[in-house]
Amino acid sequence: MQRIPFLPKVIDNGSGMDEQTLSTLQKRLLEEEHTIGGKNIGIKNVHDRIRLHFGEEYGLQIESKLGEGTAVTICMPIVYSNEMVVMD
């Protein structure tokens, strides 16, 4: 079985985040705690569930620029088995 990264990206053109807010969010995604003070719980939950199921190398990657928007890349594997593609 071979695992190939599957990287869909969700992009918005909203207000984005400043560098400090983005940095704080990215650090919180890597924390062991499952709750992060009532903010970004959904993002943390999705990130943690992907990593629990597929491994530490997978999860969410977040990019953002103030005034330009935010992009979230979802890193999960596509598994090739017997010439058939299956989502693990």
C-alpha atoms as a PDB file:
ATOM      1  CA  MET A   1       0.000   0.000   0.000  1.00  0.00           C
ATOM      2  CA  GLN A   2       1.303   3.433  -0.904  1.00  0.00           C
ATOM      3  CA  ARG A   3       0.247   6.689   0.773  1.00  0.00           C
ATOM      4  CA  ILE A   4       0.273   9.860  -1.306  1.00  0.00           C
ATOM      5  CA  PRO A   5      -0.569  13.204   0.365  1.00  0.00           C
ATOM      6  CA  PHE A   6      -3.993  14.632  -0.510  1.00  0.00           C
ATOM      7  CA  LEU A   7      -3.884  18.408  -0.073  1.00  0.00           C
ATOM      8  CA  PRO A   8      -7.202  20.192  -0.667  1.00  0.00           C
ATOM      9  CA  LYS A   9      -7.026  23.889   0.155  1.00  0.00           C
ATOM     10  CA  VAL A  10      -9.879  26.113   1.344  1.00  0.00           C
ATOM     11  CA  ILE A  11      -9.275  29.815   0.670  1.00  0.00           C
ATOM     12  CA  ASP A  12     -11.292  32.875   1.618  1.00  0.00           C
ATOM     13  CA  ASN A  13     -10.874  36.526   0.759  1.00  0.00           C
ATOM     14  CA  GLY A  14     -11.884  37.796   4.193  1.00  0.00           C
ATOM     15  CA  SER A  15     -10.028  40.091   6.534  1.00  0.00           C
ATOM     16  CA  GLY A  16      -7.255  37.566   7.280  1.00  0.00           C
ATOM     17  CA  MET A  17      -5.106  37.509  10.410  1.00  0.00           C
ATOM     18  CA  ASP A  18      -2.090  39.517  11.486  1.00  0.00           C
ATOM     19  CA  GLU A  19       1.198  37.638  11.951  1.00  0.00           C
ATOM     20  CA  GLN A  20       0.879  37.402  15.738  1.00  0.00           C
ATOM     21  CA  THR A  21      -2.656  35.967  15.622  1.00  0.00           C
ATOM     22  CA  LEU A  22      -1.645  33.456  12.948  1.00  0.00           C
ATOM     23  CA  SER A  23       1.466  32.447  14.896  1.00  0.00           C
ATOM     24  CA  THR A  24      -0.586  31.943  18.079  1.00  0.00           C
ATOM     25  CA  LEU A  25      -3.119  29.779  16.208  1.00  0.00           C
ATOM     26  CA  GLN A  26      -0.395  27.679  14.581  1.00  0.00           C
ATOM     27  CA  LYS A  27       1.277  27.111  17.977  1.00  0.00           C
ATOM     28  CA  ARG A  28      -2.029  26.145  19.578  1.00  0.00           C
ATOM     29  CA  LEU A  29      -2.612  23.503  16.905  1.00  0.00           C
ATOM     30  CA  LEU A  30       0.589  21.805  18.031  1.00  0.00           C
ATOM     31  CA  GLU A  31      -0.252  21.861  21.750  1.00  0.00           C
ATOM     32  CA  GLU A  32      -1.183  18.611  23.485  1.00  0.00           C
ATOM     33  CA  GLU A  33      -4.268  20.129  25.137  1.00  0.00           C
ATOM     34  CA  HIS A  34      -7.525  19.423  23.346  1.00  0.00           C
ATOM     35  CA  THR A  35      -9.230  22.659  24.374  1.00  0.00           C
ATOM     36  CA  ILE A  36      -7.707  26.036  23.774  1.00  0.00           C
ATOM     37  CA  GLY A  37      -9.604  28.538  25.844  1.00  0.00           C
ATOM     38  CA  GLY A  38     -12.849  28.639  23.906  1.00  0.00           C
ATOM     39  CA  LYS A  39     -11.346  29.946  20.642  1.00  0.00           C
ATOM     40  CA  ASN A  40     -10.601  27.938  17.506  1.00  0.00           C
ATOM     41  CA  ILE A  41     -11.942  24.743  19.084  1.00  0.00           C
ATOM     42  CA  GLY A  42     -13.333  23.477  15.761  1.00  0.00           C
ATOM     43  CA  ILE A  43     -10.033  24.010  13.956  1.00  0.00           C
ATOM     44  CA  LYS A  44      -8.115  22.295  16.768  1.00  0.00           C
ATOM     45  CA  ASN A  45     -10.593  19.402  16.835  1.00  0.00           C
ATOM     46  CA  VAL A  46     -10.307  18.770  13.075  1.00  0.00           C
ATOM     47  CA  HIS A  47      -6.503  19.048  13.198  1.00  0.00           C
ATOM     48  CA  ASP A  48      -6.246  16.614  16.133  1.00  0.00           C
ATOM     49  CA  ARG A  49      -8.628  14.080  14.589  1.00  0.00           C
ATOM     50  CA  ILE A  50      -6.703  14.023  11.303  1.00  0.00           C
ATOM     51  CA  ARG A  51      -3.431  13.498  13.175  1.00  0.00           C
ATOM     52  CA  LEU A  52      -4.895  10.784  15.427  1.00  0.00           C
ATOM     53  CA  HIS A  53      -6.233   8.856  12.449  1.00  0.00           C
ATOM     54  CA  PHE A  54      -3.418   9.295   9.906  1.00  0.00           C
ATOM     55  CA  GLY A  55      -0.329  10.232  11.944  1.00  0.00           C
ATOM     56  CA  GLU A  56       1.641  13.231  13.133  1.00  0.00           C
ATOM     57  CA  GLU A  57       2.742  14.272   9.633  1.00  0.00           C
ATOM     58  CA  TYR A  58      -0.862  15.079   8.659  1.00  0.00           C
ATOM     59  CA  GLY A  59      -3.313  17.773   9.792  1.00  0.00           C
ATOM     60  CA  LEU A  60      -4.148  21.379   8.970  1.00  0.00           C
ATOM     61  CA  GLN A  61      -1.765  24.010   7.675  1.00  0.00           C
ATOM     62  CA  ILE A  62      -2.964  27.595   7.975  1.00  0.00           C
ATOM     63  CA  GLU A  63      -1.718  30.623   6.055  1.00  0.00           C
ATOM     64  CA  SER A  64      -3.160  34.113   6.366  1.00  0.00           C
ATOM     65  CA  LYS A  65      -2.385  37.708   5.522  1.00  0.00           C
ATOM     66  CA  LEU A  66      -4.139  40.649   7.091  1.00  0.00           C
ATOM     67  CA  GLY A  67      -6.454  42.266   4.576  1.00  0.00           C
ATOM     68  CA  GLU A  68      -6.069  39.441   2.048  1.00  0.00           C
ATOM     69  CA  GLY A  69      -7.672  36.341   3.561  1.00  0.00           C
ATOM     70  CA  THR A  70      -6.880  32.911   4.936  1.00  0.00           C
ATOM     71  CA  ALA A  71      -6.023  29.545   3.375  1.00  0.00           C
ATOM     72  CA  VAL A  72      -6.331  26.219   5.169  1.00  0.00           C
ATOM     73  CA  THR A  73      -4.653  23.180   3.615  1.00  0.00           C
ATOM     74  CA  ILE A  74      -5.968  19.813   4.748  1.00  0.00           C
ATOM     75  CA  CYS A  75      -3.154  17.264   4.613  1.00  0.00           C
ATOM     76  CA  MET A  76      -4.405  13.650   4.532  1.00  0.00           C
ATOM     77  CA  PRO A  77      -3.193  10.597   2.636  1.00  0.00           C
ATOM     78  CA  ILE A  78      -4.713   8.919  -0.359  1.00  0.00           C
ATOM     79  CA  VAL A  79      -3.970   5.224  -0.108  1.00  0.00           C
ATOM     80  CA  TYR A  80      -3.310   3.228  -3.265  1.00  0.00           C
ATOM     81  CA  SER A  81      -4.023  -0.469  -2.813  1.00  0.00           C
ATOM     82  CA  ASN A  82      -4.177  -3.033  -5.630  1.00  0.00           C
ATOM     83  CA  GLU A  83      -4.456  -0.240  -8.229  1.00  0.00           C
ATOM     84  CA  MET A  84      -7.537   1.144  -6.508  1.00  0.00           C
ATOM     85  CA  VAL A  85      -7.653   4.528  -4.787  1.00  0.00           C
ATOM     86  CA  VAL A  86      -9.258   4.485  -1.348  1.00  0.00           C
ATOM     87  CA  MET A  87      -9.544   7.205   1.249  1.00  0.00           C
ATOM     88  CA  ASP A  88      -8.035   5.621   4.352  1.00  0.00           C
END
